[in-house]
Amino acid sequence: MMQPPIEDLVDVAGGRFDLVVLAARRARQINAYFNQLGEGIGHYVPPQVHTLSHKPLTIAFEEIAAGKVIAERTEEEA
């Protein structure tokens, strides 16, 4: 079983589609952070939670569950 549960993540993100978009964007940022570590450039935010996972998507889900990543809606989306 996956931790954190998908049902809890959907409630936090506001919907299934919103969860997919939010998690995918954050996973890309985490992946880019790990890829640029040796270059000395600090353009990307490191993972915001302590985890044993090395998978960017799992880390993104854990950040969303912990409330570290929040989706903000613009007036156009509302």
PDB file of N, CA and C in Angstrom:
ATOM      1  N   MET A   1       0.828  -1.175   0.000  1.00  0.00           N
ATOM      2  CA  MET A   1       0.000   0.000   0.000  1.00  0.00           C
ATOM      3  C   MET A   1       0.881   1.250   0.000  1.00  0.00           C
ATOM      4  N   MET A   2       0.440   2.235  -0.712  1.00  0.00           N
ATOM      5  CA  MET A   2       1.232   3.446  -0.865  1.00  0.00           C
ATOM      6  C   MET A   2       1.051   4.380   0.338  1.00  0.00           C
ATOM      7  N   GLN A   3       2.131   4.951   0.776  1.00  0.00           N
ATOM      8  CA  GLN A   3       2.099   5.947   1.839  1.00  0.00           C
ATOM      9  C   GLN A   3       2.613   7.252   1.291  1.00  0.00           C
ATOM     10  N   PRO A   4       1.971   8.332   1.379  1.00  0.00           N
ATOM     11  CA  PRO A   4       0.649   8.571   1.932  1.00  0.00           C
ATOM     12  C   PRO A   4      -0.447   8.081   0.996  1.00  0.00           C
ATOM     13  N   PRO A   5      -1.636   7.770   1.528  1.00  0.00           N
ATOM     14  CA  PRO A   5      -2.731   7.272   0.688  1.00  0.00           C
ATOM     15  C   PRO A   5      -3.170   8.302  -0.353  1.00  0.00           C
ATOM     16  N   ILE A   6      -3.499   7.821  -1.534  1.00  0.00           N
ATOM     17  CA  ILE A   6      -3.918   8.693  -2.634  1.00  0.00           C
ATOM     18  C   ILE A   6      -5.157   9.499  -2.256  1.00  0.00           C
ATOM     19  N   GLU A   7      -6.085   8.899  -1.516  1.00  0.00           N
ATOM     20  CA  GLU A   7      -7.309   9.596  -1.140  1.00  0.00           C
ATOM     21  C   GLU A   7      -7.009  10.857  -0.337  1.00  0.00           C
ATOM     22  N   ASP A   8      -6.021  10.766   0.561  1.00  0.00           N
ATOM     23  CA  ASP A   8      -5.633  11.932   1.356  1.00  0.00           C
ATOM     24  C   ASP A   8      -4.991  13.006   0.475  1.00  0.00           C
ATOM     25  N   LEU A   9      -4.185  12.577  -0.491  1.00  0.00           N
ATOM     26  CA  LEU A   9      -3.530  13.529  -1.387  1.00  0.00           C
ATOM     27  C   LEU A   9      -4.538  14.249  -2.274  1.00  0.00           C
ATOM     28  N   VAL A  10      -5.558  13.529  -2.737  1.00  0.00           N
ATOM     29  CA  VAL A  10      -6.596  14.142  -3.573  1.00  0.00           C
ATOM     30  C   VAL A  10      -7.331  15.215  -2.783  1.00  0.00           C
ATOM     31  N   ASP A  11      -7.602  14.946  -1.506  1.00  0.00           N
ATOM     32  CA  ASP A  11      -8.273  15.936  -0.666  1.00  0.00           C
ATOM     33  C   ASP A  11      -7.416  17.184  -0.486  1.00  0.00           C
ATOM     34  N   VAL A  12      -6.123  17.002  -0.306  1.00  0.00           N
ATOM     35  CA  VAL A  12      -5.216  18.139  -0.110  1.00  0.00           C
ATOM     36  C   VAL A  12      -5.077  18.953  -1.386  1.00  0.00           C
ATOM     37  N   ALA A  13      -4.940  18.279  -2.528  1.00  0.00           N
ATOM     38  CA  ALA A  13      -4.695  18.971  -3.798  1.00  0.00           C
ATOM     39  C   ALA A  13      -5.963  19.568  -4.386  1.00  0.00           C
ATOM     40  N   GLY A  14      -7.118  19.049  -4.032  1.00  0.00           N
ATOM     41  CA  GLY A  14      -8.357  19.605  -4.538  1.00  0.00           C
ATOM     42  C   GLY A  14      -9.004  18.792  -5.643  1.00  0.00           C
ATOM     43  N   GLY A  15      -8.356  17.760  -6.121  1.00  0.00           N
ATOM     44  CA  GLY A  15      -8.916  16.921  -7.169  1.00  0.00           C
ATOM     45  C   GLY A  15      -7.842  16.049  -7.781  1.00  0.00           C
ATOM     46  N   ARG A  16      -8.280  15.046  -8.508  1.00  0.00           N
ATOM     47  CA  ARG A  16      -7.318  14.111  -9.103  1.00  0.00           C
ATOM     48  C   ARG A  16      -6.426  14.794 -10.124  1.00  0.00           C
ATOM     49  N   PHE A  17      -7.034  15.594 -11.016  1.00  0.00           N
ATOM     50  CA  PHE A  17      -6.243  16.259 -12.048  1.00  0.00           C
ATOM     51  C   PHE A  17      -5.258  17.240 -11.418  1.00  0.00           C
ATOM     52  N   ASP A  18      -5.718  17.995 -10.429  1.00  0.00           N
ATOM     53  CA  ASP A  18      -4.840  18.945  -9.750  1.00  0.00           C
ATOM     54  C   ASP A  18      -3.677  18.227  -9.072  1.00  0.00           C
ATOM     55  N   LEU A  19      -3.948  17.069  -8.490  1.00  0.00           N
ATOM     56  CA  LEU A  19      -2.894  16.284  -7.847  1.00  0.00           C
ATOM     57  C   LEU A  19      -1.860  15.829  -8.863  1.00  0.00           C
ATOM     58  N   VAL A  20      -2.310  15.347 -10.004  1.00  0.00           N
ATOM     59  CA  VAL A  20      -1.386  14.863 -11.037  1.00  0.00           C
ATOM     60  C   VAL A  20      -0.490  15.995 -11.529  1.00  0.00           C
ATOM     61  N   VAL A  21      -1.082  17.147 -11.806  1.00  0.00           N
ATOM     62  CA  VAL A  21      -0.303  18.280 -12.314  1.00  0.00           C
ATOM     63  C   VAL A  21       0.685  18.775 -11.259  1.00  0.00           C
ATOM     64  N   LEU A  22       0.221  18.930 -10.029  1.00  0.00           N
ATOM     65  CA  LEU A  22       1.068  19.418  -8.945  1.00  0.00           C
ATOM     66  C   LEU A  22       2.225  18.463  -8.670  1.00  0.00           C
ATOM     67  N   ALA A  23       1.937  17.177  -8.579  1.00  0.00           N
ATOM     68  CA  ALA A  23       2.977  16.190  -8.282  1.00  0.00           C
ATOM     69  C   ALA A  23       3.974  16.081  -9.435  1.00  0.00           C
ATOM     70  N   ALA A  24       3.492  16.138 -10.672  1.00  0.00           N
ATOM     71  CA  ALA A  24       4.400  16.031 -11.821  1.00  0.00           C
ATOM     72  C   ALA A  24       5.334  17.230 -11.895  1.00  0.00           C
ATOM     73  N   ARG A  25       4.804  18.419 -11.665  1.00  0.00           N
ATOM     74  CA  ARG A  25       5.656  19.625 -11.699  1.00  0.00           C
ATOM     75  C   ARG A  25       6.714  19.582 -10.611  1.00  0.00           C
ATOM     76  N   ARG A  26       6.300  19.198  -9.408  1.00  0.00           N
ATOM     77  CA  ARG A  26       7.258  19.149  -8.305  1.00  0.00           C
ATOM     78  C   ARG A  26       8.275  18.031  -8.512  1.00  0.00           C
ATOM     79  N   ALA A  27       7.860  16.906  -9.061  1.00  0.00           N
ATOM     80  CA  ALA A  27       8.792  15.805  -9.328  1.00  0.00           C
ATOM     81  C   ALA A  27       9.840  16.234 -10.356  1.00  0.00           C
ATOM     82  N   ARG A  28       9.432  17.003 -11.370  1.00  0.00           N
ATOM     83  CA  ARG A  28      10.406  17.515 -12.348  1.00  0.00           C
ATOM     84  C   ARG A  28      11.404  18.454 -11.681  1.00  0.00           C
ATOM     85  N   GLN A  29      10.934  19.279 -10.764  1.00  0.00           N
ATOM     86  CA  GLN A  29      11.834  20.190 -10.052  1.00  0.00           C
ATOM     87  C   GLN A  29      12.822  19.416  -9.181  1.00  0.00           C
ATOM     88  N   ILE A  30      12.346  18.389  -8.506  1.00  0.00           N
ATOM     89  CA  ILE A  30      13.220  17.569  -7.661  1.00  0.00           C
ATOM     90  C   ILE A  30      14.246  16.848  -8.513  1.00  0.00           C
ATOM     91  N   ASN A  31      13.815  16.301  -9.638  1.00  0.00           N
ATOM     92  CA  ASN A  31      14.728  15.616 -10.546  1.00  0.00           C
ATOM     93  C   ASN A  31      15.791  16.582 -11.072  1.00  0.00           C
ATOM     94  N   ALA A  32      15.389  17.784 -11.436  1.00  0.00           N
ATOM     95  CA  ALA A  32      16.338  18.788 -11.915  1.00  0.00           C
ATOM     96  C   ALA A  32      17.314  19.172 -10.806  1.00  0.00           C
ATOM     97  N   TYR A  33      16.837  19.244  -9.571  1.00  0.00           N
ATOM     98  CA  TYR A  33      17.717  19.552  -8.444  1.00  0.00           C
ATOM     99  C   TYR A  33      18.796  18.490  -8.295  1.00  0.00           C
ATOM    100  N   PHE A  34      18.408  17.216  -8.333  1.00  0.00           N
ATOM    101  CA  PHE A  34      19.381  16.139  -8.190  1.00  0.00           C
ATOM    102  C   PHE A  34      20.363  16.116  -9.358  1.00  0.00           C
ATOM    103  N   ASN A  35      19.911  16.468 -10.548  1.00  0.00           N
ATOM    104  CA  ASN A  35      20.794  16.461 -11.719  1.00  0.00           C
ATOM    105  C   ASN A  35      21.798  17.604 -11.701  1.00  0.00           C
ATOM    106  N   GLN A  36      21.493  18.731 -11.080  1.00  0.00           N
ATOM    107  CA  GLN A  36      22.397  19.869 -11.080  1.00  0.00           C
ATOM    108  C   GLN A  36      23.254  19.955  -9.821  1.00  0.00           C
ATOM    109  N   LEU A  37      23.199  18.965  -8.944  1.00  0.00           N
ATOM    110  CA  LEU A  37      23.945  19.029  -7.686  1.00  0.00           C
ATOM    111  C   LEU A  37      25.439  19.237  -7.876  1.00  0.00           C
ATOM    112  N   GLY A  38      26.063  18.560  -8.795  1.00  0.00           N
ATOM    113  CA  GLY A  38      27.506  18.658  -8.977  1.00  0.00           C
ATOM    114  C   GLY A  38      27.957  19.921  -9.673  1.00  0.00           C
ATOM    115  N   GLU A  39      27.041  20.676 -10.244  1.00  0.00           N
ATOM    116  CA  GLU A  39      27.400  21.863 -11.006  1.00  0.00           C
ATOM    117  C   GLU A  39      27.578  23.101 -10.142  1.00  0.00           C
ATOM    118  N   GLY A  40      27.105  23.067  -8.912  1.00  0.00           N
ATOM    119  CA  GLY A  40      27.254  24.209  -8.028  1.00  0.00           C
ATOM    120  C   GLY A  40      26.257  25.321  -8.288  1.00  0.00           C
ATOM    121  N   ILE A  41      25.239  25.059  -9.077  1.00  0.00           N
ATOM    122  CA  ILE A  41      24.228  26.055  -9.386  1.00  0.00           C
ATOM    123  C   ILE A  41      23.018  25.758  -8.506  1.00  0.00           C
ATOM    124  N   GLY A  42      22.474  26.762  -7.850  1.00  0.00           N
ATOM    125  CA  GLY A  42      21.367  26.534  -6.935  1.00  0.00           C
ATOM    126  C   GLY A  42      20.053  27.090  -7.411  1.00  0.00           C
ATOM    127  N   HIS A  43      19.612  26.728  -8.601  1.00  0.00           N
ATOM    128  CA  HIS A  43      18.369  27.263  -9.146  1.00  0.00           C
ATOM    129  C   HIS A  43      17.127  26.518  -8.667  1.00  0.00           C
ATOM    130  N   TYR A  44      17.273  25.317  -8.176  1.00  0.00           N
ATOM    131  CA  TYR A  44      16.122  24.495  -7.824  1.00  0.00           C
ATOM    132  C   TYR A  44      16.052  24.279  -6.322  1.00  0.00           C
ATOM    133  N   VAL A  45      14.835  24.140  -5.816  1.00  0.00           N
ATOM    134  CA  VAL A  45      14.607  23.945  -4.387  1.00  0.00           C
ATOM    135  C   VAL A  45      14.798  22.466  -4.064  1.00  0.00           C
ATOM    136  N   PRO A  46      15.577  22.157  -3.036  1.00  0.00           N
ATOM    137  CA  PRO A  46      15.782  20.747  -2.666  1.00  0.00           C
ATOM    138  C   PRO A  46      14.510  20.158  -2.066  1.00  0.00           C
ATOM    139  N   PRO A  47      14.451  18.848  -1.926  1.00  0.00           N
ATOM    140  CA  PRO A  47      13.287  18.224  -1.297  1.00  0.00           C
ATOM    141  C   PRO A  47      13.036  18.808   0.090  1.00  0.00           C
ATOM    142  N   GLN A  48      11.776  19.030   0.418  1.00  0.00           N
ATOM    143  CA  GLN A  48      11.394  19.693   1.658  1.00  0.00           C
ATOM    144  C   GLN A  48      11.044  18.730   2.786  1.00  0.00           C
ATOM    145  N   VAL A  49      11.116  17.432   2.531  1.00  0.00           N
ATOM    146  CA  VAL A  49      10.837  16.433   3.562  1.00  0.00           C
ATOM    147  C   VAL A  49      11.995  15.444   3.619  1.00  0.00           C
ATOM    148  N   HIS A  50      12.169  14.849   4.794  1.00  0.00           N
ATOM    149  CA  HIS A  50      13.170  13.793   4.940  1.00  0.00           C
ATOM    150  C   HIS A  50      12.509  12.475   4.574  1.00  0.00           C
ATOM    151  N   THR A  51      13.108  11.760   3.637  1.00  0.00           N
ATOM    152  CA  THR A  51      12.506  10.524   3.151  1.00  0.00           C
ATOM    153  C   THR A  51      13.583   9.510   2.831  1.00  0.00           C
ATOM    154  N   LEU A  52      13.193   8.262   2.788  1.00  0.00           N
ATOM    155  CA  LEU A  52      14.099   7.197   2.398  1.00  0.00           C
ATOM    156  C   LEU A  52      14.010   6.916   0.901  1.00  0.00           C
ATOM    157  N   SER A  53      13.029   7.497   0.246  1.00  0.00           N
ATOM    158  CA  SER A  53      12.812   7.249  -1.173  1.00  0.00           C
ATOM    159  C   SER A  53      13.784   8.062  -2.029  1.00  0.00           C
ATOM    160  N   HIS A  54      14.152   7.490  -3.158  1.00  0.00           N
ATOM    161  CA  HIS A  54      14.997   8.189  -4.121  1.00  0.00           C
ATOM    162  C   HIS A  54      14.214   8.554  -5.371  1.00  0.00           C
ATOM    163  N   LYS A  55      12.922   8.283  -5.365  1.00  0.00           N
ATOM    164  CA  LYS A  55      12.091   8.549  -6.534  1.00  0.00           C
ATOM    165  C   LYS A  55      11.453   9.934  -6.408  1.00  0.00           C
ATOM    166  N   PRO A  56      11.641  10.789  -7.413  1.00  0.00           N
ATOM    167  CA  PRO A  56      11.117  12.157  -7.333  1.00  0.00           C
ATOM    168  C   PRO A  56       9.608  12.229  -7.149  1.00  0.00           C
ATOM    169  N   LEU A  57       8.850  11.349  -7.777  1.00  0.00           N
ATOM    170  CA  LEU A  57       7.395  11.400  -7.648  1.00  0.00           C
ATOM    171  C   LEU A  57       6.951  11.039  -6.238  1.00  0.00           C
ATOM    172  N   THR A  58       7.577  10.063  -5.628  1.00  0.00           N
ATOM    173  CA  THR A  58       7.248   9.695  -4.257  1.00  0.00           C
ATOM    174  C   THR A  58       7.588  10.830  -3.300  1.00  0.00           C
ATOM    175  N   ILE A  59       8.729  11.475  -3.524  1.00  0.00           N
ATOM    176  CA  ILE A  59       9.109  12.621  -2.697  1.00  0.00           C
ATOM    177  C   ILE A  59       8.094  13.747  -2.864  1.00  0.00           C
ATOM    178  N   ALA A  60       7.657  13.979  -4.094  1.00  0.00           N
ATOM    179  CA  ALA A  60       6.651  15.022  -4.346  1.00  0.00           C
ATOM    180  C   ALA A  60       5.351  14.704  -3.623  1.00  0.00           C
ATOM    181  N   PHE A  61       4.904  13.452  -3.655  1.00  0.00           N
ATOM    182  CA  PHE A  61       3.691  13.063  -2.940  1.00  0.00           C
ATOM    183  C   PHE A  61       3.853  13.293  -1.433  1.00  0.00           C
ATOM    184  N   GLU A  62       5.008  12.958  -0.883  1.00  0.00           N
ATOM    185  CA  GLU A  62       5.236  13.156   0.544  1.00  0.00           C
ATOM    186  C   GLU A  62       5.246  14.638   0.901  1.00  0.00           C
ATOM    187  N   GLU A  63       5.786  15.476   0.021  1.00  0.00           N
ATOM    188  CA  GLU A  63       5.768  16.918   0.260  1.00  0.00           C
ATOM    189  C   GLU A  63       4.343  17.462   0.238  1.00  0.00           C
ATOM    190  N   ILE A  64       3.537  16.986  -0.693  1.00  0.00           N
ATOM    191  CA  ILE A  64       2.143  17.426  -0.779  1.00  0.00           C
ATOM    192  C   ILE A  64       1.386  17.007   0.483  1.00  0.00           C
ATOM    193  N   ALA A  65       1.600  15.779   0.937  1.00  0.00           N
ATOM    194  CA  ALA A  65       0.926  15.284   2.144  1.00  0.00           C
ATOM    195  C   ALA A  65       1.352  16.073   3.382  1.00  0.00           C
ATOM    196  N   ALA A  66       2.608  16.514   3.412  1.00  0.00           N
ATOM    197  CA  ALA A  66       3.113  17.265   4.560  1.00  0.00           C
ATOM    198  C   ALA A  66       2.723  18.740   4.508  1.00  0.00           C
ATOM    199  N   GLY A  67       2.134  19.178   3.408  1.00  0.00           N
ATOM    200  CA  GLY A  67       1.721  20.566   3.283  1.00  0.00           C
ATOM    201  C   GLY A  67       2.841  21.499   2.870  1.00  0.00           C
ATOM    202  N   LYS A  68       3.937  20.962   2.369  1.00  0.00           N
ATOM    203  CA  LYS A  68       5.079  21.771   1.945  1.00  0.00           C
ATOM    204  C   LYS A  68       4.900  22.325   0.539  1.00  0.00           C
ATOM    205  N   VAL A  69       4.052  21.690  -0.260  1.00  0.00           N
ATOM    206  CA  VAL A  69       3.773  22.129  -1.630  1.00  0.00           C
ATOM    207  C   VAL A  69       2.283  22.412  -1.720  1.00  0.00           C
ATOM    208  N   ILE A  70       1.947  23.623  -2.118  1.00  0.00           N
ATOM    209  CA  ILE A  70       0.550  24.032  -2.189  1.00  0.00           C
ATOM    210  C   ILE A  70       0.267  24.607  -3.568  1.00  0.00           C
ATOM    211  N   ALA A  71      -0.857  24.207  -4.142  1.00  0.00           N
ATOM    212  CA  ALA A  71      -1.260  24.734  -5.445  1.00  0.00           C
ATOM    213  C   ALA A  71      -2.012  26.042  -5.232  1.00  0.00           C
ATOM    214  N   GLU A  72      -1.570  27.072  -5.912  1.00  0.00           N
ATOM    215  CA  GLU A  72      -2.261  28.358  -5.849  1.00  0.00           C
ATOM    216  C   GLU A  72      -3.011  28.559  -7.157  1.00  0.00           C
ATOM    217  N   ARG A  73      -4.248  28.971  -7.045  1.00  0.00           N
ATOM    218  CA  ARG A  73      -5.063  29.201  -8.234  1.00  0.00           C
ATOM    219  C   ARG A  73      -5.039  30.686  -8.605  1.00  0.00           C
ATOM    220  N   THR A  74      -4.958  30.936  -9.893  1.00  0.00           N
ATOM    221  CA  THR A  74      -5.051  32.300 -10.371  1.00  0.00           C
ATOM    222  C   THR A  74      -6.505  32.630 -10.667  1.00  0.00           C
ATOM    223  N   GLU A  75      -6.798  33.874 -10.970  1.00  0.00           N
ATOM    224  CA  GLU A  75      -8.173  34.269 -11.239  1.00  0.00           C
ATOM    225  C   GLU A  75      -8.689  33.607 -12.514  1.00  0.00           C
ATOM    226  N   GLU A  76      -7.808  33.359 -13.467  1.00  0.00           N
ATOM    227  CA  GLU A  76      -8.198  32.720 -14.731  1.00  0.00           C
ATOM    228  C   GLU A  76      -8.670  31.289 -14.506  1.00  0.00           C
ATOM    229  N   GLU A  77      -8.034  30.573 -13.574  1.00  0.00           N
ATOM    230  CA  GLU A  77      -8.373  29.179 -13.311  1.00  0.00           C
ATOM    231  C   GLU A  77      -9.659  29.054 -12.491  1.00  0.00           C
ATOM    232  N   ALA A  78      -9.952  30.042 -11.682  1.00  0.00           N
ATOM    233  CA  ALA A  78     -11.117  29.966 -10.786  1.00  0.00           C
ATOM    234  C   ALA A  78     -12.406  30.218 -11.504  1.00  0.00           C
TER     235      ALA A  78
END
